[in-house]
């Protein structure tokens, strides 16, 4: 965040933090604006970063004990559903096809 106007607008509408000593006129460069906004951005960014780190750690631990992460569960569920819809075909081939097929098409 480097613009004094955008940071003031965000602060006025959402954060409601005190203005720096000397008001907005005291913020003469991007470093001072960044220093002022860091006080109310850091807790949110720190919490979000810690949450992502925790989720990554949990996923890695799930893989170490051979548990399926969420995406693998969805792929497996979708493969089983497709294989059940077409029992006349070889189940393993249908499952592999389903797991190899992209989700977004």
PDB file of N, CA and C in Angstrom:
ATOM      1  N   UNK A   1       0.869  -1.166   0.000  1.00  0.00           N
ATOM      2  CA  UNK A   1       0.000   0.000   0.000  1.00  0.00           C
ATOM      3  C   UNK A   1       0.908   1.218   0.000  1.00  0.00           C
ATOM      4  N   UNK A   2       0.863   1.996  -1.061  1.00  0.00           N
ATOM      5  CA  UNK A   2       1.769   3.125  -1.169  1.00  0.00           C
ATOM      6  C   UNK A   2       1.051   4.456  -1.379  1.00  0.00           C
ATOM      7  N   UNK A   3      -0.232   4.444  -1.659  1.00  0.00           N
ATOM      8  CA  UNK A   3      -0.953   5.680  -1.931  1.00  0.00           C
ATOM      9  C   UNK A   3      -1.578   6.211  -0.642  1.00  0.00           C
ATOM     10  N   UNK A   4      -1.307   7.469  -0.341  1.00  0.00           N
ATOM     11  CA  UNK A   4      -1.870   8.077   0.866  1.00  0.00           C
ATOM     12  C   UNK A   4      -3.387   8.139   0.790  1.00  0.00           C
ATOM     13  N   UNK A   5      -3.927   8.453  -0.387  1.00  0.00           N
ATOM     14  CA  UNK A   5      -5.374   8.568  -0.538  1.00  0.00           C
ATOM     15  C   UNK A   5      -6.069   7.217  -0.345  1.00  0.00           C
ATOM     16  N   UNK A   6      -5.529   6.174  -0.951  1.00  0.00           N
ATOM     17  CA  UNK A   6      -6.175   4.867  -0.816  1.00  0.00           C
ATOM     18  C   UNK A   6      -6.056   4.332   0.610  1.00  0.00           C
ATOM     19  N   UNK A   7      -4.921   4.561   1.250  1.00  0.00           N
ATOM     20  CA  UNK A   7      -4.787   4.093   2.637  1.00  0.00           C
ATOM     21  C   UNK A   7      -5.683   4.884   3.573  1.00  0.00           C
ATOM     22  N   UNK A   8      -5.827   6.173   3.330  1.00  0.00           N
ATOM     23  CA  UNK A   8      -6.719   6.968   4.167  1.00  0.00           C
ATOM     24  C   UNK A   8      -8.167   6.513   3.976  1.00  0.00           C
ATOM     25  N   UNK A   9      -8.565   6.261   2.733  1.00  0.00           N
ATOM     26  CA  UNK A   9      -9.925   5.787   2.474  1.00  0.00           C
ATOM     27  C   UNK A   9     -10.191   4.433   3.109  1.00  0.00           C
ATOM     28  N   UNK A  10      -9.229   3.516   3.010  1.00  0.00           N
ATOM     29  CA  UNK A  10      -9.389   2.205   3.625  1.00  0.00           C
ATOM     30  C   UNK A  10      -9.449   2.323   5.139  1.00  0.00           C
ATOM     31  N   UNK A  11      -8.593   3.162   5.692  1.00  0.00           N
ATOM     32  CA  UNK A  11      -8.587   3.378   7.142  1.00  0.00           C
ATOM     33  C   UNK A  11      -9.906   4.005   7.588  1.00  0.00           C
ATOM     34  N   UNK A  12     -10.401   4.970   6.842  1.00  0.00           N
ATOM     35  CA  UNK A  12     -11.627   5.674   7.215  1.00  0.00           C
ATOM     36  C   UNK A  12     -12.851   4.758   7.151  1.00  0.00           C
ATOM     37  N   UNK A  13     -12.887   3.844   6.172  1.00  0.00           N
ATOM     38  CA  UNK A  13     -14.061   2.992   5.981  1.00  0.00           C
ATOM     39  C   UNK A  13     -14.018   1.670   6.739  1.00  0.00           C
ATOM     40  N   UNK A  14     -12.827   1.134   6.966  1.00  0.00           N
ATOM     41  CA  UNK A  14     -12.740  -0.212   7.522  1.00  0.00           C
ATOM     42  C   UNK A  14     -11.953  -0.310   8.826  1.00  0.00           C
ATOM     43  N   UNK A  15     -10.806   0.341   8.902  1.00  0.00           N
ATOM     44  CA  UNK A  15      -9.891   0.115  10.020  1.00  0.00           C
ATOM     45  C   UNK A  15     -10.188   1.024  11.202  1.00  0.00           C
ATOM     46  N   UNK A  16     -10.424   2.289  10.955  1.00  0.00           N
ATOM     47  CA  UNK A  16     -10.702   3.308  11.978  1.00  0.00           C
ATOM     48  C   UNK A  16      -9.538   3.487  12.954  1.00  0.00           C
ATOM     49  N   UNK A  17      -8.336   3.442  12.432  1.00  0.00           N
ATOM     50  CA  UNK A  17      -7.138   3.644  13.240  1.00  0.00           C
ATOM     51  C   UNK A  17      -6.849   5.138  13.352  1.00  0.00           C
ATOM     52  N   UNK A  18      -6.114   5.509  14.386  1.00  0.00           N
ATOM     53  CA  UNK A  18      -5.725   6.908  14.538  1.00  0.00           C
ATOM     54  C   UNK A  18      -4.761   7.306  13.438  1.00  0.00           C
ATOM     55  N   UNK A  19      -4.873   8.553  13.006  1.00  0.00           N
ATOM     56  CA  UNK A  19      -3.941   9.067  12.009  1.00  0.00           C
ATOM     57  C   UNK A  19      -2.575   9.262  12.654  1.00  0.00           C
ATOM     58  N   UNK A  20      -1.528   9.225  11.860  1.00  0.00           N
ATOM     59  CA  UNK A  20      -0.194   9.428  12.435  1.00  0.00           C
ATOM     60  C   UNK A  20      -0.043  10.851  12.973  1.00  0.00           C
ATOM     61  N   UNK A  21       0.950  11.046  13.822  1.00  0.00           N
ATOM     62  CA  UNK A  21       1.222  12.383  14.346  1.00  0.00           C
ATOM     63  C   UNK A  21       1.498  13.336  13.187  1.00  0.00           C
ATOM     64  N   UNK A  22       0.831  14.460  13.188  1.00  0.00           N
ATOM     65  CA  UNK A  22       0.983  15.422  12.102  1.00  0.00           C
ATOM     66  C   UNK A  22      -0.034  15.227  10.996  1.00  0.00           C
ATOM     67  N   UNK A  23      -0.915  14.237  11.105  1.00  0.00           N
ATOM     68  CA  UNK A  23      -1.940  13.997  10.096  1.00  0.00           C
ATOM     69  C   UNK A  23      -1.385  13.385   8.831  1.00  0.00           C
ATOM     70  N   UNK A  24      -2.189  13.396   7.803  1.00  0.00           N
ATOM     71  CA  UNK A  24      -1.772  12.810   6.532  1.00  0.00           C
ATOM     72  C   UNK A  24      -0.670  13.603   5.858  1.00  0.00           C
ATOM     73  N   UNK A  25      -0.540  14.879   6.207  1.00  0.00           N
ATOM     74  CA  UNK A  25       0.527  15.687   5.619  1.00  0.00           C
ATOM     75  C   UNK A  25       1.902  15.220   6.070  1.00  0.00           C
ATOM     76  N   UNK A  26       1.961  14.515   7.203  1.00  0.00           N
ATOM     77  CA  UNK A  26       3.250  14.022   7.696  1.00  0.00           C
ATOM     78  C   UNK A  26       3.750  12.840   6.873  1.00  0.00           C
ATOM     79  N   UNK A  27       2.856  12.207   6.121  1.00  0.00           N
ATOM     80  CA  UNK A  27       3.246  11.064   5.297  1.00  0.00           C
ATOM     81  C   UNK A  27       3.713  11.575   3.942  1.00  0.00           C
ATOM     82  N   UNK A  28       4.996  11.797   3.823  1.00  0.00           N
ATOM     83  CA  UNK A  28       5.529  12.439   2.618  1.00  0.00           C
ATOM     84  C   UNK A  28       6.065  11.459   1.590  1.00  0.00           C
ATOM     85  N   UNK A  29       6.318  10.203   1.956  1.00  0.00           N
ATOM     86  CA  UNK A  29       6.825   9.240   0.978  1.00  0.00           C
ATOM     87  C   UNK A  29       6.207   7.865   1.238  1.00  0.00           C
ATOM     88  N   UNK A  30       6.475   6.945   0.333  1.00  0.00           N
ATOM     89  CA  UNK A  30       5.842   5.630   0.420  1.00  0.00           C
ATOM     90  C   UNK A  30       6.309   4.857   1.649  1.00  0.00           C
ATOM     91  N   UNK A  31       7.491   5.122   2.126  1.00  0.00           N
ATOM     92  CA  UNK A  31       8.000   4.394   3.292  1.00  0.00           C
ATOM     93  C   UNK A  31       7.249   4.784   4.557  1.00  0.00           C
ATOM     94  N   UNK A  32       6.925   6.058   4.681  1.00  0.00           N
ATOM     95  CA  UNK A  32       6.154   6.502   5.840  1.00  0.00           C
ATOM     96  C   UNK A  32       4.714   5.985   5.772  1.00  0.00           C
ATOM     97  N   UNK A  33       4.139   5.960   4.575  1.00  0.00           N
ATOM     98  CA  UNK A  33       2.789   5.408   4.408  1.00  0.00           C
ATOM     99  C   UNK A  33       2.802   3.924   4.749  1.00  0.00           C
ATOM    100  N   UNK A  34       3.792   3.206   4.261  1.00  0.00           N
ATOM    101  CA  UNK A  34       3.912   1.787   4.555  1.00  0.00           C
ATOM    102  C   UNK A  34       4.114   1.516   6.030  1.00  0.00           C
ATOM    103  N   UNK A  35       4.898   2.335   6.675  1.00  0.00           N
ATOM    104  CA  UNK A  35       5.126   2.176   8.115  1.00  0.00           C
ATOM    105  C   UNK A  35       3.840   2.403   8.900  1.00  0.00           C
ATOM    106  N   UNK A  36       3.044   3.384   8.493  1.00  0.00           N
ATOM    107  CA  UNK A  36       1.779   3.670   9.181  1.00  0.00           C
ATOM    108  C   UNK A  36       0.773   2.541   8.973  1.00  0.00           C
ATOM    109  N   UNK A  37       0.659   2.045   7.731  1.00  0.00           N
ATOM    110  CA  UNK A  37      -0.336   1.005   7.445  1.00  0.00           C
ATOM    111  C   UNK A  37       0.082  -0.364   7.961  1.00  0.00           C
ATOM    112  N   UNK A  38       1.368  -0.582   8.153  1.00  0.00           N
ATOM    113  CA  UNK A  38       1.836  -1.884   8.617  1.00  0.00           C
ATOM    114  C   UNK A  38       1.259  -2.225   9.986  1.00  0.00           C
ATOM    115  N   UNK A  39       0.998  -1.239  10.789  1.00  0.00           N
ATOM    116  CA  UNK A  39       0.456  -1.474  12.121  1.00  0.00           C
ATOM    117  C   UNK A  39      -0.887  -2.182  12.091  1.00  0.00           C
ATOM    118  N   UNK A  40      -1.722  -1.911  11.122  1.00  0.00           N
ATOM    119  CA  UNK A  40      -3.004  -2.597  11.049  1.00  0.00           C
ATOM    120  C   UNK A  40      -3.068  -3.658   9.957  1.00  0.00           C
ATOM    121  N   UNK A  41      -2.056  -3.765   9.105  1.00  0.00           N
ATOM    122  CA  UNK A  41      -2.028  -4.840   8.115  1.00  0.00           C
ATOM    123  C   UNK A  41      -1.330  -6.078   8.652  1.00  0.00           C
ATOM    124  N   UNK A  42      -0.340  -5.894   9.492  1.00  0.00           N
ATOM    125  CA  UNK A  42       0.492  -7.007   9.945  1.00  0.00           C
ATOM    126  C   UNK A  42      -0.290  -8.084  10.687  1.00  0.00           C
ATOM    127  N   UNK A  43      -1.203  -7.756  11.607  1.00  0.00           N
ATOM    128  CA  UNK A  43      -1.923  -8.840  12.283  1.00  0.00           C
ATOM    129  C   UNK A  43      -2.746  -9.702  11.325  1.00  0.00           C
ATOM    130  N   UNK A  44      -3.382  -9.091  10.345  1.00  0.00           N
ATOM    131  CA  UNK A  44      -4.193  -9.850   9.382  1.00  0.00           C
ATOM    132  C   UNK A  44      -3.297 -10.711   8.496  1.00  0.00           C
ATOM    133  N   UNK A  45      -2.212 -10.116   7.984  1.00  0.00           N
ATOM    134  CA  UNK A  45      -1.300 -10.871   7.129  1.00  0.00           C
ATOM    135  C   UNK A  45      -0.609 -11.984   7.900  1.00  0.00           C
ATOM    136  N   UNK A  46      -0.245 -11.714   9.141  1.00  0.00           N
ATOM    137  CA  UNK A  46       0.392 -12.737   9.965  1.00  0.00           C
ATOM    138  C   UNK A  46      -0.537 -13.899  10.249  1.00  0.00           C
ATOM    139  N   UNK A  47      -1.791 -13.602  10.558  1.00  0.00           N
ATOM    140  CA  UNK A  47      -2.770 -14.654  10.830  1.00  0.00           C
ATOM    141  C   UNK A  47      -3.032 -15.486   9.579  1.00  0.00           C
ATOM    142  N   UNK A  48      -3.202 -14.824   8.436  1.00  0.00           N
ATOM    143  CA  UNK A  48      -3.444 -15.546   7.187  1.00  0.00           C
ATOM    144  C   UNK A  48      -2.243 -16.416   6.820  1.00  0.00           C
ATOM    145  N   UNK A  49      -1.036 -15.898   6.989  1.00  0.00           N
ATOM    146  CA  UNK A  49       0.166 -16.671   6.678  1.00  0.00           C
ATOM    147  C   UNK A  49       0.284 -17.884   7.591  1.00  0.00           C
ATOM    148  N   UNK A  50       0.001 -17.704   8.882  1.00  0.00           N
ATOM    149  CA  UNK A  50       0.078 -18.822   9.821  1.00  0.00           C
ATOM    150  C   UNK A  50      -0.978 -19.876   9.499  1.00  0.00           C
ATOM    151  N   UNK A  51      -2.164 -19.449   9.098  1.00  0.00           N
ATOM    152  CA  UNK A  51      -3.214 -20.384   8.728  1.00  0.00           C
ATOM    153  C   UNK A  51      -2.789 -21.223   7.520  1.00  0.00           C
ATOM    154  N   UNK A  52      -2.241 -20.570   6.495  1.00  0.00           N
ATOM    155  CA  UNK A  52      -1.783 -21.306   5.316  1.00  0.00           C
ATOM    156  C   UNK A  52      -0.650 -22.260   5.661  1.00  0.00           C
ATOM    157  N   UNK A  53       0.266 -21.824   6.505  1.00  0.00           N
ATOM    158  CA  UNK A  53       1.363 -22.683   6.931  1.00  0.00           C
ATOM    159  C   UNK A  53       0.837 -23.906   7.679  1.00  0.00           C
ATOM    160  N   UNK A  54      -0.142 -23.689   8.554  1.00  0.00           N
ATOM    161  CA  UNK A  54      -0.736 -24.798   9.284  1.00  0.00           C
ATOM    162  C   UNK A  54      -1.449 -25.777   8.371  1.00  0.00           C
ATOM    163  N   UNK A  55      -2.162 -25.270   7.380  1.00  0.00           N
ATOM    164  CA  UNK A  55      -2.850 -26.147   6.429  1.00  0.00           C
ATOM    165  C   UNK A  55      -1.861 -26.962   5.594  1.00  0.00           C
ATOM    166  N   UNK A  56      -0.763 -26.322   5.187  1.00  0.00           N
ATOM    167  CA  UNK A  56       0.258 -27.041   4.425  1.00  0.00           C
ATOM    168  C   UNK A  56       0.900 -28.134   5.272  1.00  0.00           C
ATOM    169  N   UNK A  57       1.149 -27.820   6.537  1.00  0.00           N
ATOM    170  CA  UNK A  57       1.736 -28.810   7.442  1.00  0.00           C
ATOM    171  C   UNK A  57       0.777 -29.981   7.644  1.00  0.00           C
ATOM    172  N   UNK A  58      -0.502 -29.677   7.844  1.00  0.00           N
ATOM    173  CA  UNK A  58      -1.488 -30.741   8.045  1.00  0.00           C
ATOM    174  C   UNK A  58      -1.584 -31.638   6.811  1.00  0.00           C
ATOM    175  N   UNK A  59      -1.559 -31.037   5.631  1.00  0.00           N
ATOM    176  CA  UNK A  59      -1.627 -31.829   4.394  1.00  0.00           C
ATOM    177  C   UNK A  59      -0.401 -32.722   4.260  1.00  0.00           C
ATOM    178  N   UNK A  60       0.776 -32.190   4.576  1.00  0.00           N
ATOM    179  CA  UNK A  60       1.995 -32.991   4.489  1.00  0.00           C
ATOM    180  C   UNK A  60       1.952 -34.155   5.481  1.00  0.00           C
ATOM    181  N   UNK A  61       1.443 -33.916   6.681  1.00  0.00           N
ATOM    182  CA  UNK A  61       1.346 -34.992   7.668  1.00  0.00           C
ATOM    183  C   UNK A  61       0.329 -36.043   7.243  1.00  0.00           C
ATOM    184  N   UNK A  62      -0.761 -35.613   6.614  1.00  0.00           N
ATOM    185  CA  UNK A  62      -1.747 -36.568   6.106  1.00  0.00           C
ATOM    186  C   UNK A  62      -1.111 -37.478   5.057  1.00  0.00           C
ATOM    187  N   UNK A  63      -0.304 -36.903   4.194  1.00  0.00           N
ATOM    188  CA  UNK A  63       0.333 -37.703   3.156  1.00  0.00           C
ATOM    189  C   UNK A  63       1.360 -38.671   3.747  1.00  0.00           C
ATOM    190  N   UNK A  64       2.015 -38.272   4.842  1.00  0.00           N
ATOM    191  CA  UNK A  64       3.006 -39.154   5.473  1.00  0.00           C
ATOM    192  C   UNK A  64       2.358 -40.403   6.062  1.00  0.00           C
ATOM    193  N   UNK A  65       1.134 -40.285   6.556  1.00  0.00           N
ATOM    194  CA  UNK A  65       0.456 -41.444   7.141  1.00  0.00           C
ATOM    195  C   UNK A  65      -0.524 -42.079   6.153  1.00  0.00           C
ATOM    196  N   UNK A  66      -0.349 -41.752   4.885  1.00  0.00           N
ATOM    197  CA  UNK A  66      -1.137 -42.323   3.788  1.00  0.00           C
ATOM    198  C   UNK A  66      -2.629 -42.029   3.895  1.00  0.00           C
ATOM    199  N   UNK A  67      -2.977 -40.888   4.436  1.00  0.00           N
ATOM    200  CA  UNK A  67      -4.361 -40.411   4.381  1.00  0.00           C
ATOM    201  C   UNK A  67      -4.499 -39.569   3.126  1.00  0.00           C
ATOM    202  N   UNK A  68      -5.683 -39.567   2.546  1.00  0.00           N
ATOM    203  CA  UNK A  68      -5.905 -38.784   1.340  1.00  0.00           C
ATOM    204  C   UNK A  68      -6.273 -37.353   1.720  1.00  0.00           C
ATOM    205  N   UNK A  69      -5.567 -36.372   1.149  1.00  0.00           N
ATOM    206  CA  UNK A  69      -6.012 -34.983   1.324  1.00  0.00           C
ATOM    207  C   UNK A  69      -7.358 -34.777   0.617  1.00  0.00           C
ATOM    208  N   UNK A  70      -7.953 -33.630   0.834  1.00  0.00           N
ATOM    209  CA  UNK A  70      -9.303 -33.349   0.322  1.00  0.00           C
ATOM    210  C   UNK A  70      -9.407 -33.546  -1.188  1.00  0.00           C
ATOM    211  N   UNK A  71      -8.427 -33.048  -1.938  1.00  0.00           N
ATOM    212  CA  UNK A  71      -8.513 -33.160  -3.402  1.00  0.00           C
ATOM    213  C   UNK A  71      -8.471 -34.615  -3.839  1.00  0.00           C
ATOM    214  N   UNK A  72      -7.672 -35.425  -3.165  1.00  0.00           N
ATOM    215  CA  UNK A  72      -7.617 -36.846  -3.502  1.00  0.00           C
ATOM    216  C   UNK A  72      -8.928 -37.543  -3.146  1.00  0.00           C
ATOM    217  N   UNK A  73      -9.562 -37.139  -2.043  1.00  0.00           N
ATOM    218  CA  UNK A  73     -10.865 -37.713  -1.687  1.00  0.00           C
ATOM    219  C   UNK A  73     -11.908 -37.397  -2.748  1.00  0.00           C
ATOM    220  N   UNK A  74     -11.892 -36.164  -3.238  1.00  0.00           N
ATOM    221  CA  UNK A  74     -12.854 -35.772  -4.276  1.00  0.00           C
ATOM    222  C   UNK A  74     -12.601 -36.550  -5.568  1.00  0.00           C
ATOM    223  N   UNK A  75     -11.325 -36.679  -5.945  1.00  0.00           N
ATOM    224  CA  UNK A  75     -11.003 -37.450  -7.153  1.00  0.00           C
ATOM    225  C   UNK A  75     -11.445 -38.902  -7.011  1.00  0.00           C
ATOM    226  N   UNK A  76     -11.205 -39.484  -5.851  1.00  0.00           N
ATOM    227  CA  UNK A  76     -11.600 -40.872  -5.622  1.00  0.00           C
ATOM    228  C   UNK A  76     -13.121 -41.016  -5.626  1.00  0.00           C
ATOM    229  N   UNK A  77     -13.818 -40.089  -5.006  1.00  0.00           N
ATOM    230  CA  UNK A  77     -15.285 -40.124  -4.983  1.00  0.00           C
ATOM    231  C   UNK A  77     -15.843 -40.025  -6.403  1.00  0.00           C
ATOM    232  N   UNK A  78     -15.273 -39.098  -7.173  1.00  0.00           N
ATOM    233  CA  UNK A  78     -15.733 -38.903  -8.545  1.00  0.00           C
ATOM    234  C   UNK A  78     -15.455 -40.140  -9.402  1.00  0.00           C
ATOM    235  N   UNK A  79     -14.287 -40.758  -9.195  1.00  0.00           N
ATOM    236  CA  UNK A  79     -13.943 -41.958  -9.955  1.00  0.00           C
ATOM    237  C   UNK A  79     -14.881 -43.107  -9.612  1.00  0.00           C
ATOM    238  N   UNK A  80     -15.185 -43.278  -8.344  1.00  0.00           N
ATOM    239  CA  UNK A  80     -16.104 -44.352  -7.941  1.00  0.00           C
ATOM    240  C   UNK A  80     -17.507 -44.109  -8.477  1.00  0.00           C
ATOM    241  N   UNK A  81     -17.942 -42.870  -8.452  1.00  0.00           N
ATOM    242  CA  UNK A  81     -19.279 -42.551  -8.961  1.00  0.00           C
ATOM    243  C   UNK A  81     -19.377 -42.855 -10.457  1.00  0.00           C
ATOM    244  N   UNK A  82     -18.343 -42.474 -11.219  1.00  0.00           N
ATOM    245  CA  UNK A  82     -18.359 -42.736 -12.655  1.00  0.00           C
ATOM    246  C   UNK A  82     -18.297 -44.240 -12.936  1.00  0.00           C
ATOM    247  N   UNK A  83     -17.501 -44.965 -12.182  1.00  0.00           N
ATOM    248  CA  UNK A  83     -17.408 -46.417 -12.373  1.00  0.00           C
ATOM    249  C   UNK A  83     -18.736 -47.091 -12.042  1.00  0.00           C
ATOM    250  N   UNK A  84     -19.450 -46.570 -11.053  1.00  0.00           N
ATOM    251  CA  UNK A  84     -20.762 -47.132 -10.719  1.00  0.00           C
ATOM    252  C   UNK A  84     -21.814 -46.811 -11.778  1.00  0.00           C
ATOM    253  N   UNK A  85     -21.645 -45.670 -12.469  1.00  0.00           N
ATOM    254  CA  UNK A  85     -22.581 -45.313 -13.540  1.00  0.00           C
ATOM    255  C   UNK A  85     -22.411 -46.199 -14.774  1.00  0.00           C
ATOM    256  N   UNK A  86     -21.204 -46.726 -14.984  1.00  0.00           N
ATOM    257  CA  UNK A  86     -20.906 -47.542 -16.163  1.00  0.00           C
ATOM    258  C   UNK A  86     -20.350 -48.900 -15.740  1.00  0.00           C
ATOM    259  N   UNK A  87     -21.192 -49.745 -15.156  1.00  0.00           N
ATOM    260  CA  UNK A  87     -20.683 -51.042 -14.679  1.00  0.00           C
ATOM    261  C   UNK A  87     -20.324 -52.008 -15.812  1.00  0.00           C
ATOM    262  N   UNK A  88     -20.767 -51.731 -17.041  1.00  0.00           N
ATOM    263  CA  UNK A  88     -20.464 -52.628 -18.156  1.00  0.00           C
ATOM    264  C   UNK A  88     -19.006 -52.509 -18.612  1.00  0.00           C
ATOM    265  N   UNK A  89     -18.310 -51.457 -18.176  1.00  0.00           N
ATOM    266  CA  UNK A  89     -16.905 -51.278 -18.535  1.00  0.00           C
ATOM    267  C   UNK A  89     -16.004 -51.675 -17.365  1.00  0.00           C
ATOM    268  N   UNK A  90     -14.750 -51.909 -17.685  1.00  0.00           N
ATOM    269  CA  UNK A  90     -13.785 -52.285 -16.655  1.00  0.00           C
ATOM    270  C   UNK A  90     -13.663 -51.163 -15.613  1.00  0.00           C
ATOM    271  N   UNK A  91     -13.909 -51.509 -14.366  1.00  0.00           N
ATOM    272  CA  UNK A  91     -13.964 -50.516 -13.284  1.00  0.00           C
ATOM    273  C   UNK A  91     -12.649 -49.741 -13.148  1.00  0.00           C
ATOM    274  N   UNK A  92     -11.526 -50.446 -13.206  1.00  0.00           N
ATOM    275  CA  UNK A  92     -10.226 -49.782 -13.000  1.00  0.00           C
ATOM    276  C   UNK A  92      -9.927 -48.779 -14.121  1.00  0.00           C
ATOM    277  N   UNK A  93     -10.267 -49.126 -15.349  1.00  0.00           N
ATOM    278  CA  UNK A  93     -10.018 -48.214 -16.478  1.00  0.00           C
ATOM    279  C   UNK A  93     -10.896 -46.974 -16.363  1.00  0.00           C
ATOM    280  N   UNK A  94     -12.148 -47.149 -15.984  1.00  0.00           N
ATOM    281  CA  UNK A  94     -13.057 -45.999 -15.824  1.00  0.00           C
ATOM    282  C   UNK A  94     -12.572 -45.098 -14.689  1.00  0.00           C
ATOM    283  N   UNK A  95     -12.125 -45.690 -13.597  1.00  0.00           N
ATOM    284  CA  UNK A  95     -11.613 -44.892 -12.476  1.00  0.00           C
ATOM    285  C   UNK A  95     -10.379 -44.092 -12.891  1.00  0.00           C
ATOM    286  N   UNK A  96      -9.459 -44.737 -13.608  1.00  0.00           N
ATOM    287  CA  UNK A  96      -8.252 -44.037 -14.054  1.00  0.00           C
ATOM    288  C   UNK A  96      -8.591 -42.915 -15.028  1.00  0.00           C
ATOM    289  N   UNK A  97      -9.560 -43.164 -15.904  1.00  0.00           N
ATOM    290  CA  UNK A  97      -9.992 -42.115 -16.825  1.00  0.00           C
ATOM    291  C   UNK A  97     -10.546 -40.919 -16.054  1.00  0.00           C
ATOM    292  N   UNK A  98     -11.367 -41.197 -15.060  1.00  0.00           N
ATOM    293  CA  UNK A  98     -11.977 -40.127 -14.273  1.00  0.00           C
ATOM    294  C   UNK A  98     -10.925 -39.315 -13.537  1.00  0.00           C
ATOM    295  N   UNK A  99      -9.927 -39.969 -12.986  1.00  0.00           N
ATOM    296  CA  UNK A  99      -8.906 -39.263 -12.227  1.00  0.00           C
ATOM    297  C   UNK A  99      -7.966 -38.463 -13.129  1.00  0.00           C
ATOM    298  N   UNK A 100      -7.811 -38.890 -14.381  1.00  0.00           N
ATOM    299  CA  UNK A 100      -6.940 -38.176 -15.320  1.00  0.00           C
ATOM    300  C   UNK A 100      -7.644 -37.025 -16.034  1.00  0.00           C
ATOM    301  N   UNK A 101      -8.974 -37.046 -16.038  1.00  0.00           N
ATOM    302  CA  UNK A 101      -9.747 -36.013 -16.733  1.00  0.00           C
ATOM    303  C   UNK A 101      -9.691 -34.708 -15.958  1.00  0.00           C
ATOM    304  N   UNK A 102      -9.405 -33.565 -16.623  1.00  0.00           N
ATOM    305  CA  UNK A 102      -9.369 -32.283 -15.902  1.00  0.00           C
ATOM    306  C   UNK A 102     -10.753 -31.874 -15.378  1.00  0.00           C
ATOM    307  N   UNK A 103     -10.753 -31.159 -14.297  1.00  0.00           N
ATOM    308  CA  UNK A 103     -12.007 -30.746 -13.638  1.00  0.00           C
ATOM    309  C   UNK A 103     -12.707 -29.616 -14.362  1.00  0.00           C
ATOM    310  N   UNK A 104     -11.964 -28.758 -15.014  1.00  0.00           N
ATOM    311  CA  UNK A 104     -12.530 -27.491 -15.497  1.00  0.00           C
ATOM    312  C   UNK A 104     -13.089 -27.559 -16.912  1.00  0.00           C
ATOM    313  N   UNK A 105     -13.138 -28.699 -17.525  1.00  0.00           N
ATOM    314  CA  UNK A 105     -13.670 -28.776 -18.894  1.00  0.00           C
ATOM    315  C   UNK A 105     -14.960 -29.520 -18.912  1.00  0.00           C
TER     316      UNK A 105
END
